[in-house]
Amino acid sequence: MIQYRTATWFLVLGFITTGCDSTDVSVDVPKPAELNGDEIGYYCNMTVAEHRGPKGQIFLADREQPLWFTSARDTIAFTMLPEEPKNISAIYVSDMGKASRDDPDPGIWVDARSAWYVVGSGRVGGMGAPEPVPFAQKSDASAFQADHGGQVLSFANIPEGEILGFDGQAPNHMNTMKADEP
């Protein structure tokens, strides 16, 4: 009887650990898209490429094309606002450690959830709101912080008040406009 219970536990344990093996799970994470000049900001209905500073893009599981954002702030806000979809399959922001502030180059996207952000530096984004400045490398974020002030934070540790404002509402430009769905 004891041998039977022991064998059963090993079988159950084997199923549990096999189910947790990350090599058995196939998740298609979309690669970042590149700006071609025609992309329209999700909240502002303006051409993304015409705005200075870091940009963002979010892929939803039920959409092939990304939603585009004129700033990293708007990109992060999308993930915080309760009325926005939560079926996010990928989030990318401009890596400002590799990009020019005025014109981020192609191919400089970083996974927003693994990026480091300088919050409170006084920099403003494409829509004129305070901008969390994203970096792929923490060392680049720290160097920027040393020159411009602010605080280096991970995506998960950015306070909602820094993105949505202290009243928990979206900035004005986000409340009034959304790009039409294709």
C-alpha atoms as a PDB file:
ATOM      1  CA  MET A   1       0.000   0.000   0.000  1.00  0.00           C
ATOM      2  CA  ILE A   2       2.838   2.415   0.833  1.00  0.00           C
ATOM      3  CA  GLN A   3       4.610   1.606  -2.431  1.00  0.00           C
ATOM      4  CA  TYR A   4       1.388   2.298  -4.350  1.00  0.00           C
ATOM      5  CA  ARG A   5       0.954   5.735  -2.690  1.00  0.00           C
ATOM      6  CA  THR A   6       4.591   6.611  -3.292  1.00  0.00           C
ATOM      7  CA  ALA A   7       4.341   5.626  -6.946  1.00  0.00           C
ATOM      8  CA  THR A   8       1.123   7.660  -7.301  1.00  0.00           C
ATOM      9  CA  TRP A   9       2.773  10.753  -5.796  1.00  0.00           C
ATOM     10  CA  PHE A  10       5.734  10.443  -8.149  1.00  0.00           C
ATOM     11  CA  LEU A  11       3.359  10.141 -11.099  1.00  0.00           C
ATOM     12  CA  VAL A  12       1.394  13.247  -9.985  1.00  0.00           C
ATOM     13  CA  LEU A  13       4.615  15.164  -9.353  1.00  0.00           C
ATOM     14  CA  GLY A  14       5.878  14.169 -12.792  1.00  0.00           C
ATOM     15  CA  PHE A  15       2.705  15.511 -14.474  1.00  0.00           C
ATOM     16  CA  ILE A  16       2.896  18.764 -12.529  1.00  0.00           C
ATOM     17  CA  THR A  17       6.550  19.451 -13.323  1.00  0.00           C
ATOM     18  CA  THR A  18       6.135  18.435 -16.956  1.00  0.00           C
ATOM     19  CA  GLY A  19       3.254  20.896 -17.308  1.00  0.00           C
ATOM     20  CA  CYS A  20       5.490  23.666 -15.957  1.00  0.00           C
ATOM     21  CA  ASP A  21       8.336  23.021 -18.376  1.00  0.00           C
ATOM     22  CA  SER A  22       8.691  26.185 -20.440  1.00  0.00           C
ATOM     23  CA  THR A  23      10.009  24.230 -23.435  1.00  0.00           C
ATOM     24  CA  ASP A  24       6.597  22.593 -23.867  1.00  0.00           C
ATOM     25  CA  VAL A  25       4.766  25.900 -24.126  1.00  0.00           C
ATOM     26  CA  SER A  26       4.657  27.596 -27.511  1.00  0.00           C
ATOM     27  CA  VAL A  27       3.788  31.281 -27.357  1.00  0.00           C
ATOM     28  CA  ASP A  28       3.944  33.426 -30.460  1.00  0.00           C
ATOM     29  CA  VAL A  29       5.189  36.834 -29.394  1.00  0.00           C
ATOM     30  CA  PRO A  30       4.979  39.284 -32.287  1.00  0.00           C
ATOM     31  CA  LYS A  31       8.161  41.055 -33.295  1.00  0.00           C
ATOM     32  CA  PRO A  32       8.091  44.858 -33.144  1.00  0.00           C
ATOM     33  CA  ALA A  33       6.822  46.619 -36.234  1.00  0.00           C
ATOM     34  CA  GLU A  34       8.728  49.513 -37.797  1.00  0.00           C
ATOM     35  CA  LEU A  35       7.332  52.968 -38.383  1.00  0.00           C
ATOM     36  CA  ASN A  36       6.694  53.713 -42.038  1.00  0.00           C
ATOM     37  CA  GLY A  37       5.294  57.213 -41.477  1.00  0.00           C
ATOM     38  CA  ASP A  38       1.596  56.369 -41.780  1.00  0.00           C
ATOM     39  CA  GLU A  39       0.954  55.098 -38.245  1.00  0.00           C
ATOM     40  CA  ILE A  40      -1.698  56.936 -36.253  1.00  0.00           C
ATOM     41  CA  GLY A  41      -1.549  57.336 -32.467  1.00  0.00           C
ATOM     42  CA  TYR A  42      -4.208  55.337 -30.666  1.00  0.00           C
ATOM     43  CA  TYR A  43      -5.262  58.177 -28.362  1.00  0.00           C
ATOM     44  CA  CYS A  44      -4.508  61.329 -30.321  1.00  0.00           C
ATOM     45  CA  ASN A  45      -5.294  60.334 -33.941  1.00  0.00           C
ATOM     46  CA  MET A  46      -2.081  62.066 -35.017  1.00  0.00           C
ATOM     47  CA  THR A  47       0.811  60.706 -37.074  1.00  0.00           C
ATOM     48  CA  VAL A  48       3.192  58.939 -34.668  1.00  0.00           C
ATOM     49  CA  ALA A  49       6.387  59.767 -36.568  1.00  0.00           C
ATOM     50  CA  GLU A  50       5.712  63.517 -36.330  1.00  0.00           C
ATOM     51  CA  HIS A  51       6.186  63.525 -32.541  1.00  0.00           C
ATOM     52  CA  ARG A  52       9.505  63.827 -30.705  1.00  0.00           C
ATOM     53  CA  GLY A  53      10.718  61.371 -28.111  1.00  0.00           C
ATOM     54  CA  PRO A  54      10.107  57.691 -27.454  1.00  0.00           C
ATOM     55  CA  LYS A  55       7.227  55.911 -29.132  1.00  0.00           C
ATOM     56  CA  GLY A  56       5.339  52.735 -28.298  1.00  0.00           C
ATOM     57  CA  GLN A  57       3.396  49.894 -29.838  1.00  0.00           C
ATOM     58  CA  ILE A  58       1.131  47.277 -28.312  1.00  0.00           C
ATOM     59  CA  PHE A  59       0.054  44.027 -29.923  1.00  0.00           C
ATOM     60  CA  LEU A  60      -3.261  42.521 -28.852  1.00  0.00           C
ATOM     61  CA  ALA A  61      -3.877  38.785 -29.169  1.00  0.00           C
ATOM     62  CA  ASP A  62      -6.823  39.335 -31.518  1.00  0.00           C
ATOM     63  CA  ARG A  63      -5.098  41.870 -33.823  1.00  0.00           C
ATOM     64  CA  GLU A  64      -2.331  41.359 -36.337  1.00  0.00           C
ATOM     65  CA  GLN A  65      -1.229  45.014 -36.463  1.00  0.00           C
ATOM     66  CA  PRO A  66      -0.047  46.913 -33.369  1.00  0.00           C
ATOM     67  CA  LEU A  67      -1.721  49.850 -31.718  1.00  0.00           C
ATOM     68  CA  TRP A  68       0.646  52.815 -32.019  1.00  0.00           C
ATOM     69  CA  PHE A  69       1.415  55.448 -29.393  1.00  0.00           C
ATOM     70  CA  THR A  70       3.122  58.838 -29.746  1.00  0.00           C
ATOM     71  CA  SER A  71       4.856  58.441 -26.374  1.00  0.00           C
ATOM     72  CA  ALA A  72       6.062  55.843 -23.901  1.00  0.00           C
ATOM     73  CA  ARG A  73       3.700  57.408 -21.367  1.00  0.00           C
ATOM     74  CA  ASP A  74       0.629  56.713 -23.504  1.00  0.00           C
ATOM     75  CA  THR A  75       1.865  53.171 -24.104  1.00  0.00           C
ATOM     76  CA  ILE A  76       2.160  52.485 -20.377  1.00  0.00           C
ATOM     77  CA  ALA A  77      -1.151  54.261 -19.658  1.00  0.00           C
ATOM     78  CA  PHE A  78      -2.934  51.845 -22.001  1.00  0.00           C
ATOM     79  CA  THR A  79      -1.873  48.959 -19.732  1.00  0.00           C
ATOM     80  CA  MET A  80      -3.138  50.766 -16.606  1.00  0.00           C
ATOM     81  CA  LEU A  81      -6.519  52.016 -17.772  1.00  0.00           C
ATOM     82  CA  PRO A  82      -9.279  49.587 -16.773  1.00  0.00           C
ATOM     83  CA  GLU A  83     -11.359  50.234 -19.907  1.00  0.00           C
ATOM     84  CA  GLU A  84      -8.591  49.157 -22.307  1.00  0.00           C
ATOM     85  CA  PRO A  85      -8.224  45.557 -23.542  1.00  0.00           C
ATOM     86  CA  LYS A  86      -6.059  43.266 -21.415  1.00  0.00           C
ATOM     87  CA  ASN A  87      -5.264  40.637 -24.070  1.00  0.00           C
ATOM     88  CA  ILE A  88      -1.813  42.138 -24.654  1.00  0.00           C
ATOM     89  CA  SER A  89       0.650  39.830 -26.361  1.00  0.00           C
ATOM     90  CA  ALA A  90       3.585  42.265 -26.656  1.00  0.00           C
ATOM     91  CA  ILE A  91       4.510  45.823 -25.694  1.00  0.00           C
ATOM     92  CA  TYR A  92       7.450  47.694 -27.211  1.00  0.00           C
ATOM     93  CA  VAL A  93       8.908  51.139 -26.552  1.00  0.00           C
ATOM     94  CA  SER A  94      11.832  53.013 -28.090  1.00  0.00           C
ATOM     95  CA  ASP A  95      15.193  52.247 -26.475  1.00  0.00           C
ATOM     96  CA  MET A  96      16.427  55.781 -25.881  1.00  0.00           C
ATOM     97  CA  GLY A  97      19.906  54.427 -25.129  1.00  0.00           C
ATOM     98  CA  LYS A  98      20.187  53.762 -28.869  1.00  0.00           C
ATOM     99  CA  ALA A  99      17.838  56.393 -30.270  1.00  0.00           C
ATOM    100  CA  SER A 100      18.030  60.047 -31.085  1.00  0.00           C
ATOM    101  CA  ARG A 101      15.560  62.011 -28.959  1.00  0.00           C
ATOM    102  CA  ASP A 102      14.205  63.869 -31.959  1.00  0.00           C
ATOM    103  CA  ASP A 103      13.897  60.930 -34.317  1.00  0.00           C
ATOM    104  CA  PRO A 104      14.101  57.378 -32.886  1.00  0.00           C
ATOM    105  CA  ASP A 105      15.749  55.100 -35.434  1.00  0.00           C
ATOM    106  CA  PRO A 106      14.262  51.887 -36.822  1.00  0.00           C
ATOM    107  CA  GLY A 107      15.117  48.695 -34.972  1.00  0.00           C
ATOM    108  CA  ILE A 108      15.565  50.261 -31.541  1.00  0.00           C
ATOM    109  CA  TRP A 109      12.511  48.680 -29.907  1.00  0.00           C
ATOM    110  CA  VAL A 110      12.761  47.082 -26.486  1.00  0.00           C
ATOM    111  CA  ASP A 111      10.206  44.948 -24.635  1.00  0.00           C
ATOM    112  CA  ALA A 112       8.476  47.525 -22.434  1.00  0.00           C
ATOM    113  CA  ARG A 113       8.108  45.098 -19.529  1.00  0.00           C
ATOM    114  CA  SER A 114      11.860  44.494 -19.327  1.00  0.00           C
ATOM    115  CA  ALA A 115      12.902  48.108 -19.969  1.00  0.00           C
ATOM    116  CA  TRP A 116      14.163  50.593 -17.377  1.00  0.00           C
ATOM    117  CA  TYR A 117      12.494  53.988 -17.155  1.00  0.00           C
ATOM    118  CA  VAL A 118      13.691  57.336 -15.871  1.00  0.00           C
ATOM    119  CA  VAL A 119      10.621  58.903 -14.307  1.00  0.00           C
ATOM    120  CA  GLY A 120      10.504  62.511 -13.131  1.00  0.00           C
ATOM    121  CA  SER A 121      13.384  63.831 -15.236  1.00  0.00           C
ATOM    122  CA  GLY A 122      11.397  66.795 -16.504  1.00  0.00           C
ATOM    123  CA  ARG A 123      11.443  65.507 -20.090  1.00  0.00           C
ATOM    124  CA  VAL A 124       8.198  65.740 -21.996  1.00  0.00           C
ATOM    125  CA  GLY A 125       6.986  63.327 -24.617  1.00  0.00           C
ATOM    126  CA  GLY A 126       5.337  63.643 -27.995  1.00  0.00           C
ATOM    127  CA  MET A 127       2.120  65.029 -26.549  1.00  0.00           C
ATOM    128  CA  GLY A 128       3.775  67.476 -24.150  1.00  0.00           C
ATOM    129  CA  ALA A 129       3.127  65.446 -20.988  1.00  0.00           C
ATOM    130  CA  PRO A 130       5.855  64.323 -18.563  1.00  0.00           C
ATOM    131  CA  GLU A 131       7.617  61.378 -20.184  1.00  0.00           C
ATOM    132  CA  PRO A 132       9.022  58.227 -18.608  1.00  0.00           C
ATOM    133  CA  VAL A 133      12.178  57.764 -20.696  1.00  0.00           C
ATOM    134  CA  PRO A 134      12.732  54.055 -21.568  1.00  0.00           C
ATOM    135  CA  PHE A 135      16.073  52.237 -21.855  1.00  0.00           C
ATOM    136  CA  ALA A 136      16.948  48.604 -22.563  1.00  0.00           C
ATOM    137  CA  GLN A 137      19.982  48.774 -20.273  1.00  0.00           C
ATOM    138  CA  LYS A 138      19.805  49.913 -16.652  1.00  0.00           C
ATOM    139  CA  SER A 139      23.258  51.472 -17.042  1.00  0.00           C
ATOM    140  CA  ASP A 140      21.934  53.747 -19.827  1.00  0.00           C
ATOM    141  CA  ALA A 141      18.982  54.737 -17.646  1.00  0.00           C
ATOM    142  CA  SER A 142      21.329  55.515 -14.755  1.00  0.00           C
ATOM    143  CA  ALA A 143      23.568  57.649 -16.980  1.00  0.00           C
ATOM    144  CA  PHE A 144      20.529  59.596 -18.223  1.00  0.00           C
ATOM    145  CA  GLN A 145      19.320  60.010 -14.636  1.00  0.00           C
ATOM    146  CA  ALA A 146      22.720  61.383 -13.585  1.00  0.00           C
ATOM    147  CA  ASP A 147      22.427  64.079 -16.284  1.00  0.00           C
ATOM    148  CA  HIS A 148      18.697  64.858 -16.074  1.00  0.00           C
ATOM    149  CA  GLY A 149      17.505  63.777 -12.634  1.00  0.00           C
ATOM    150  CA  GLY A 150      14.513  61.609 -11.917  1.00  0.00           C
ATOM    151  CA  GLN A 151      14.323  58.045 -10.688  1.00  0.00           C
ATOM    152  CA  VAL A 152      15.194  54.761 -12.430  1.00  0.00           C
ATOM    153  CA  LEU A 153      12.303  52.284 -12.215  1.00  0.00           C
ATOM    154  CA  SER A 154      11.249  49.009 -13.796  1.00  0.00           C
ATOM    155  CA  PHE A 155       7.971  48.814 -15.724  1.00  0.00           C
ATOM    156  CA  ALA A 156       6.210  47.080 -12.815  1.00  0.00           C
ATOM    157  CA  ASN A 157       7.319  49.740 -10.327  1.00  0.00           C
ATOM    158  CA  ILE A 158       6.181  52.865 -12.187  1.00  0.00           C
ATOM    159  CA  PRO A 159       3.505  54.475  -9.994  1.00  0.00           C
ATOM    160  CA  GLU A 160       0.147  54.996 -11.691  1.00  0.00           C
ATOM    161  CA  GLY A 161       0.201  58.617 -10.518  1.00  0.00           C
ATOM    162  CA  GLU A 162       3.285  59.258 -12.673  1.00  0.00           C
ATOM    163  CA  ILE A 163       1.443  58.032 -15.763  1.00  0.00           C
ATOM    164  CA  LEU A 164      -2.246  58.746 -15.223  1.00  0.00           C
ATOM    165  CA  GLY A 165      -1.877  61.763 -12.969  1.00  0.00           C
ATOM    166  CA  PHE A 166      -2.562  61.791  -9.293  1.00  0.00           C
ATOM    167  CA  ASP A 167      -6.323  61.790  -9.769  1.00  0.00           C
ATOM    168  CA  GLY A 168      -6.158  58.356 -11.465  1.00  0.00           C
ATOM    169  CA  GLN A 169      -7.474  59.752 -14.746  1.00  0.00           C
ATOM    170  CA  ALA A 170      -5.874  59.649 -18.147  1.00  0.00           C
ATOM    171  CA  PRO A 171      -4.220  62.863 -19.381  1.00  0.00           C
ATOM    172  CA  ASN A 172      -6.646  65.109 -21.292  1.00  0.00           C
ATOM    173  CA  HIS A 173      -5.448  64.134 -24.754  1.00  0.00           C
ATOM    174  CA  MET A 174      -6.238  60.494 -23.944  1.00  0.00           C
ATOM    175  CA  ASN A 175      -9.782  61.151 -22.708  1.00  0.00           C
ATOM    176  CA  THR A 176     -11.106  62.781 -25.841  1.00  0.00           C
ATOM    177  CA  MET A 177      -9.662  60.881 -28.801  1.00  0.00           C
ATOM    178  CA  LYS A 178      -8.964  57.344 -29.923  1.00  0.00           C
ATOM    179  CA  ALA A 179      -7.863  56.176 -33.335  1.00  0.00           C
ATOM    180  CA  ASP A 180     -10.530  54.359 -35.295  1.00  0.00           C
ATOM    181  CA  GLU A 181     -10.064  50.629 -35.394  1.00  0.00           C
ATOM    182  CA  PRO A 182      -8.977  49.390 -38.830  1.00  0.00           C
END
